[in-house]
PDB file of N, CA and C in Angstrom:
ATOM      1  N   UNK A   1     -10.643  17.746 -23.325  1.00  0.00           N
ATOM      2  CA  UNK A   1     -11.310  16.524 -22.656  1.00  0.00           C
ATOM      3  C   UNK A   1     -10.571  15.042 -22.666  1.00  0.00           C
ATOM      4  N   UNK A   2      -9.741  14.627 -24.052  1.00  0.00           N
ATOM      5  CA  UNK A   2      -9.513  13.621 -24.451  1.00  0.00           C
ATOM      6  C   UNK A   2      -8.317  12.934 -22.736  1.00  0.00           C
ATOM      7  N   UNK A   3      -7.861  13.891 -22.437  1.00  0.00           N
ATOM      8  CA  UNK A   3      -7.047  13.625 -21.255  1.00  0.00           C
ATOM      9  C   UNK A   3      -8.264  13.462 -19.506  1.00  0.00           C
ATOM     10  N   UNK A   4      -8.907  14.193 -20.162  1.00  0.00           N
ATOM     11  CA  UNK A   4      -9.725  13.830 -18.645  1.00  0.00           C
ATOM     12  C   UNK A   4     -10.466  12.414 -18.607  1.00  0.00           C
ATOM     13  N   UNK A   5     -10.667  12.282 -20.102  1.00  0.00           N
ATOM     14  CA  UNK A   5     -11.329  10.843 -19.972  1.00  0.00           C
ATOM     15  C   UNK A   5     -10.273   9.670 -19.901  1.00  0.00           C
ATOM     16  N   UNK A   6      -9.123   9.879 -20.169  1.00  0.00           N
ATOM     17  CA  UNK A   6      -8.277   9.184 -20.168  1.00  0.00           C
ATOM     18  C   UNK A   6      -7.894   8.992 -18.415  1.00  0.00           C
ATOM     19  N   UNK A   7      -7.674   9.927 -17.813  1.00  0.00           N
ATOM     20  CA  UNK A   7      -7.682   9.796 -16.814  1.00  0.00           C
ATOM     21  C   UNK A   7      -8.910   9.321 -15.758  1.00  0.00           C
ATOM     22  N   UNK A   8      -9.880   9.498 -16.117  1.00  0.00           N
ATOM     23  CA  UNK A   8     -10.714   8.683 -15.865  1.00  0.00           C
ATOM     24  C   UNK A   8     -11.037   7.061 -15.684  1.00  0.00           C
ATOM     25  N   UNK A   9     -10.311   6.731 -16.943  1.00  0.00           N
ATOM     26  CA  UNK A   9     -10.339   5.818 -16.959  1.00  0.00           C
ATOM     27  C   UNK A   9      -9.433   4.686 -16.476  1.00  0.00           C
ATOM     28  N   UNK A  10      -8.227   5.288 -16.231  1.00  0.00           N
ATOM     29  CA  UNK A  10      -7.021   4.928 -15.533  1.00  0.00           C
ATOM     30  C   UNK A  10      -7.553   4.648 -13.775  1.00  0.00           C
ATOM     31  N   UNK A  11      -8.379   5.802 -13.251  1.00  0.00           N
ATOM     32  CA  UNK A  11      -8.607   5.679 -12.246  1.00  0.00           C
ATOM     33  C   UNK A  11      -9.741   4.571 -11.613  1.00  0.00           C
ATOM     34  N   UNK A  12     -10.696   4.138 -12.515  1.00  0.00           N
ATOM     35  CA  UNK A  12     -11.617   3.232 -12.727  1.00  0.00           C
ATOM     36  C   UNK A  12     -10.671   1.970 -12.438  1.00  0.00           C
ATOM     37  N   UNK A  13     -10.040   1.813 -13.447  1.00  0.00           N
ATOM     38  CA  UNK A  13      -9.247   0.841 -14.052  1.00  0.00           C
ATOM     39  C   UNK A  13      -8.357   0.623 -12.333  1.00  0.00           C
ATOM     40  N   UNK A  14      -7.795   1.005 -11.887  1.00  0.00           N
ATOM     41  CA  UNK A  14      -6.979   0.740 -10.576  1.00  0.00           C
ATOM     42  C   UNK A  14      -8.212   0.938  -9.723  1.00  0.00           C
ATOM     43  N   UNK A  15      -8.915   1.644  -9.080  1.00  0.00           N
ATOM     44  CA  UNK A  15      -9.584   0.994  -8.063  1.00  0.00           C
ATOM     45  C   UNK A  15     -10.744  -0.478  -8.628  1.00  0.00           C
ATOM     46  N   UNK A  16     -11.034  -0.488 -10.203  1.00  0.00           N
ATOM     47  CA  UNK A  16     -11.344  -1.857  -9.390  1.00  0.00           C
ATOM     48  C   UNK A  16     -10.822  -3.085  -9.754  1.00  0.00           C
ATOM     49  N   UNK A  17      -9.141  -2.729 -10.543  1.00  0.00           N
ATOM     50  CA  UNK A  17      -8.618  -3.522 -10.396  1.00  0.00           C
ATOM     51  C   UNK A  17      -7.541  -3.770  -9.013  1.00  0.00           C
ATOM     52  N   UNK A  18      -8.031  -3.405  -7.922  1.00  0.00           N
ATOM     53  CA  UNK A  18      -7.579  -3.159  -6.830  1.00  0.00           C
ATOM     54  C   UNK A  18      -8.773  -4.446  -5.844  1.00  0.00           C
ATOM     55  N   UNK A  19      -9.696  -4.780  -6.160  1.00  0.00           N
ATOM     56  CA  UNK A  19     -10.244  -5.668  -5.517  1.00  0.00           C
ATOM     57  C   UNK A  19      -9.885  -6.833  -6.336  1.00  0.00           C
ATOM     58  N   UNK A  20      -8.597  -7.373  -7.220  1.00  0.00           N
ATOM     59  CA  UNK A  20      -8.258  -8.169  -7.389  1.00  0.00           C
ATOM     60  C   UNK A  20      -7.046  -8.793  -7.214  1.00  0.00           C
ATOM     61  N   UNK A  21      -6.498  -7.714  -6.441  1.00  0.00           N
ATOM     62  CA  UNK A  21      -4.848  -7.789  -6.395  1.00  0.00           C
ATOM     63  C   UNK A  21      -4.758  -8.488  -4.918  1.00  0.00           C
ATOM     64  N   UNK A  22      -3.470  -9.466  -4.819  1.00  0.00           N
ATOM     65  CA  UNK A  22      -3.622 -10.215  -2.920  1.00  0.00           C
ATOM     66  C   UNK A  22      -4.033  -9.109  -2.276  1.00  0.00           C
ATOM     67  N   UNK A  23      -4.197  -9.789  -1.103  1.00  0.00           N
ATOM     68  CA  UNK A  23      -3.858  -9.267   0.452  1.00  0.00           C
ATOM     69  C   UNK A  23      -3.443  -8.985   1.544  1.00  0.00           C
ATOM     70  N   UNK A  24      -1.739  -8.973   0.371  1.00  0.00           N
ATOM     71  CA  UNK A  24      -0.547  -8.766   1.129  1.00  0.00           C
ATOM     72  C   UNK A  24       0.117  -7.513   0.076  1.00  0.00           C
ATOM     73  N   UNK A  25       1.136  -6.825   1.098  1.00  0.00           N
ATOM     74  CA  UNK A  25       2.086  -6.366   0.865  1.00  0.00           C
ATOM     75  C   UNK A  25       3.309  -6.539   1.005  1.00  0.00           C
ATOM     76  N   UNK A  26       4.682  -5.996   0.537  1.00  0.00           N
ATOM     77  CA  UNK A  26       5.465  -6.009   1.383  1.00  0.00           C
ATOM     78  C   UNK A  26       6.517  -4.739   1.173  1.00  0.00           C
ATOM     79  N   UNK A  27       6.837  -4.610   2.388  1.00  0.00           N
ATOM     80  CA  UNK A  27       7.626  -3.048   2.663  1.00  0.00           C
ATOM     81  C   UNK A  27       8.592  -3.226   2.962  1.00  0.00           C
ATOM     82  N   UNK A  28      10.355  -2.030   2.664  1.00  0.00           N
ATOM     83  CA  UNK A  28      11.377  -2.373   3.037  1.00  0.00           C
ATOM     84  C   UNK A  28      11.645  -0.844   3.611  1.00  0.00           C
ATOM     85  N   UNK A  29      11.890  -1.193   4.783  1.00  0.00           N
ATOM     86  CA  UNK A  29      11.788   0.339   6.274  1.00  0.00           C
ATOM     87  C   UNK A  29      13.483   0.251   6.180  1.00  0.00           C
ATOM     88  N   UNK A  30      13.707   1.574   6.357  1.00  0.00           N
ATOM     89  CA  UNK A  30      15.490   1.871   7.180  1.00  0.00           C
ATOM     90  C   UNK A  30      15.485   1.680   8.367  1.00  0.00           C
ATOM     91  N   UNK A  31      16.659   1.654   8.815  1.00  0.00           N
ATOM     92  CA  UNK A  31      16.898   1.287  10.049  1.00  0.00           C
ATOM     93  C   UNK A  31      16.880   2.885  10.347  1.00  0.00           C
ATOM     94  N   UNK A  32      15.970   3.779  10.925  1.00  0.00           N
ATOM     95  CA  UNK A  32      15.829   5.075  10.793  1.00  0.00           C
ATOM     96  C   UNK A  32      14.587   4.805  11.941  1.00  0.00           C
ATOM     97  N   UNK A  33      14.792   6.286  12.530  1.00  0.00           N
ATOM     98  CA  UNK A  33      13.421   6.381  13.644  1.00  0.00           C
ATOM     99  C   UNK A  33      12.329   6.410  13.110  1.00  0.00           C
ATOM    100  N   UNK A  34      12.012   6.998  11.741  1.00  0.00           N
ATOM    101  CA  UNK A  34      10.995   6.890  10.952  1.00  0.00           C
ATOM    102  C   UNK A  34      10.436   5.557  10.641  1.00  0.00           C
ATOM    103  N   UNK A  35      11.289   4.672  10.023  1.00  0.00           N
ATOM    104  CA  UNK A  35      11.101   3.080   9.618  1.00  0.00           C
ATOM    105  C   UNK A  35      10.629   2.621  11.255  1.00  0.00           C
ATOM    106  N   UNK A  36      10.891   3.103  12.628  1.00  0.00           N
ATOM    107  CA  UNK A  36      10.871   2.223  13.633  1.00  0.00           C
ATOM    108  C   UNK A  36       9.381   2.445  14.127  1.00  0.00           C
ATOM    109  N   UNK A  37       9.254   3.923  13.598  1.00  0.00           N
ATOM    110  CA  UNK A  37       7.661   4.190  13.744  1.00  0.00           C
ATOM    111  C   UNK A  37       6.493   3.452  12.863  1.00  0.00           C
ATOM    112  N   UNK A  38       7.272   3.815  11.281  1.00  0.00           N
ATOM    113  CA  UNK A  38       5.850   2.696  11.034  1.00  0.00           C
ATOM    114  C   UNK A  38       5.740   1.573  11.132  1.00  0.00           C
ATOM    115  N   UNK A  39       7.122   1.019  12.088  1.00  0.00           N
ATOM    116  CA  UNK A  39       6.640  -0.457  12.020  1.00  0.00           C
ATOM    117  C   UNK A  39       5.401  -0.706  12.981  1.00  0.00           C
ATOM    118  N   UNK A  40       5.785   0.361  14.390  1.00  0.00           N
ATOM    119  CA  UNK A  40       5.011   0.026  15.285  1.00  0.00           C
ATOM    120  C   UNK A  40       3.243   0.150  14.493  1.00  0.00           C
ATOM    121  N   UNK A  41       3.135   0.276  13.528  1.00  0.00           N
ATOM    122  CA  UNK A  41       1.880   1.032  13.189  1.00  0.00           C
ATOM    123  C   UNK A  41       1.092   0.087  12.347  1.00  0.00           C
ATOM    124  N   UNK A  42       2.203  -0.686  11.519  1.00  0.00           N
ATOM    125  CA  UNK A  42       1.823  -2.245  10.612  1.00  0.00           C
ATOM    126  C   UNK A  42       0.577  -2.370  11.278  1.00  0.00           C
ATOM    127  N   UNK A  43       0.101  -3.329  12.463  1.00  0.00           N
ATOM    128  CA  UNK A  43      -0.670  -4.112  12.996  1.00  0.00           C
ATOM    129  C   UNK A  43      -2.169  -3.362  12.986  1.00  0.00           C
ATOM    130  N   UNK A  44      -1.875  -1.848  13.280  1.00  0.00           N
ATOM    131  CA  UNK A  44      -3.153  -0.764  13.216  1.00  0.00           C
ATOM    132  C   UNK A  44      -3.807  -0.994  12.124  1.00  0.00           C
ATOM    133  N   UNK A  45      -2.188  -0.711  10.392  1.00  0.00           N
ATOM    134  CA  UNK A  45      -2.868  -0.438   9.341  1.00  0.00           C
ATOM    135  C   UNK A  45      -3.311  -1.800   8.492  1.00  0.00           C
ATOM    136  N   UNK A  46      -2.827  -3.467   9.630  1.00  0.00           N
ATOM    137  CA  UNK A  46      -3.640  -4.577   9.077  1.00  0.00           C
ATOM    138  C   UNK A  46      -4.877  -4.790   9.411  1.00  0.00           C
ATOM    139  N   UNK A  47      -5.112  -4.375  10.753  1.00  0.00           N
ATOM    140  CA  UNK A  47      -6.340  -4.877  11.257  1.00  0.00           C
ATOM    141  C   UNK A  47      -7.342  -3.476  10.253  1.00  0.00           C
ATOM    142  N   UNK A  48      -7.098  -2.254  10.012  1.00  0.00           N
ATOM    143  CA  UNK A  48      -7.895  -1.551   9.758  1.00  0.00           C
ATOM    144  C   UNK A  48      -8.346  -1.839   7.832  1.00  0.00           C
ATOM    145  N   UNK A  49      -7.644  -2.447   7.609  1.00  0.00           N
ATOM    146  CA  UNK A  49      -7.463  -2.303   5.814  1.00  0.00           C
ATOM    147  C   UNK A  49      -7.604  -4.033   5.352  1.00  0.00           C
ATOM    148  N   UNK A  50      -7.316  -4.903   6.013  1.00  0.00           N
ATOM    149  CA  UNK A  50      -7.275  -6.441   6.129  1.00  0.00           C
ATOM    150  C   UNK A  50      -6.422  -6.961   5.153  1.00  0.00           C
ATOM    151  N   UNK A  51      -5.153  -6.280   4.946  1.00  0.00           N
ATOM    152  CA  UNK A  51      -4.027  -6.558   4.259  1.00  0.00           C
ATOM    153  C   UNK A  51      -3.108  -6.782   4.990  1.00  0.00           C
ATOM    154  N   UNK A  52      -2.489  -7.652   4.776  1.00  0.00           N
ATOM    155  CA  UNK A  52      -0.967  -8.122   5.663  1.00  0.00           C
ATOM    156  C   UNK A  52       0.029  -7.500   5.549  1.00  0.00           C
ATOM    157  N   UNK A  53       0.854  -7.205   6.478  1.00  0.00           N
ATOM    158  CA  UNK A  53       1.705  -5.956   5.769  1.00  0.00           C
ATOM    159  C   UNK A  53       3.265  -7.275   6.525  1.00  0.00           C
ATOM    160  N   UNK A  54       4.075  -7.136   5.597  1.00  0.00           N
ATOM    161  CA  UNK A  54       5.570  -8.073   5.593  1.00  0.00           C
ATOM    162  C   UNK A  54       6.393  -7.203   5.428  1.00  0.00           C
ATOM    163  N   UNK A  55       7.384  -6.890   6.483  1.00  0.00           N
ATOM    164  CA  UNK A  55       8.090  -5.463   6.875  1.00  0.00           C
ATOM    165  C   UNK A  55       9.350  -6.318   6.598  1.00  0.00           C
ATOM    166  N   UNK A  56      10.441  -5.525   5.780  1.00  0.00           N
ATOM    167  CA  UNK A  56      11.819  -5.908   6.215  1.00  0.00           C
ATOM    168  C   UNK A  56      12.688  -4.743   6.481  1.00  0.00           C
ATOM    169  N   UNK A  57      13.745  -4.647   7.212  1.00  0.00           N
ATOM    170  CA  UNK A  57      14.746  -3.387   7.016  1.00  0.00           C
ATOM    171  C   UNK A  57      15.738  -3.734   6.450  1.00  0.00           C
ATOM    172  N   UNK A  58      16.435  -2.660   5.789  1.00  0.00           N
ATOM    173  CA  UNK A  58      17.454  -2.510   5.255  1.00  0.00           C
ATOM    174  C   UNK A  58      18.698  -2.831   6.646  1.00  0.00           C
ATOM    175  N   UNK A  59      19.970  -3.344   5.925  1.00  0.00           N
ATOM    176  CA  UNK A  59      21.010  -3.477   7.030  1.00  0.00           C
ATOM    177  C   UNK A  59      22.179  -2.069   6.342  1.00  0.00           C
TER     178      UNK A  59
END
């Protein structure tokens, strides 16, 4: 019972705290076909969430 209550409290803290977070994230993507695929999806994610994505590729 105590574990369930702790999990619920943590979940609420994450959900309620998400609104206080900045609206920008930074992502490090590999120079790999999967990374290239994710880069093409960034504008769609930004439009859907309103969160600005700064993507960087490793060398």
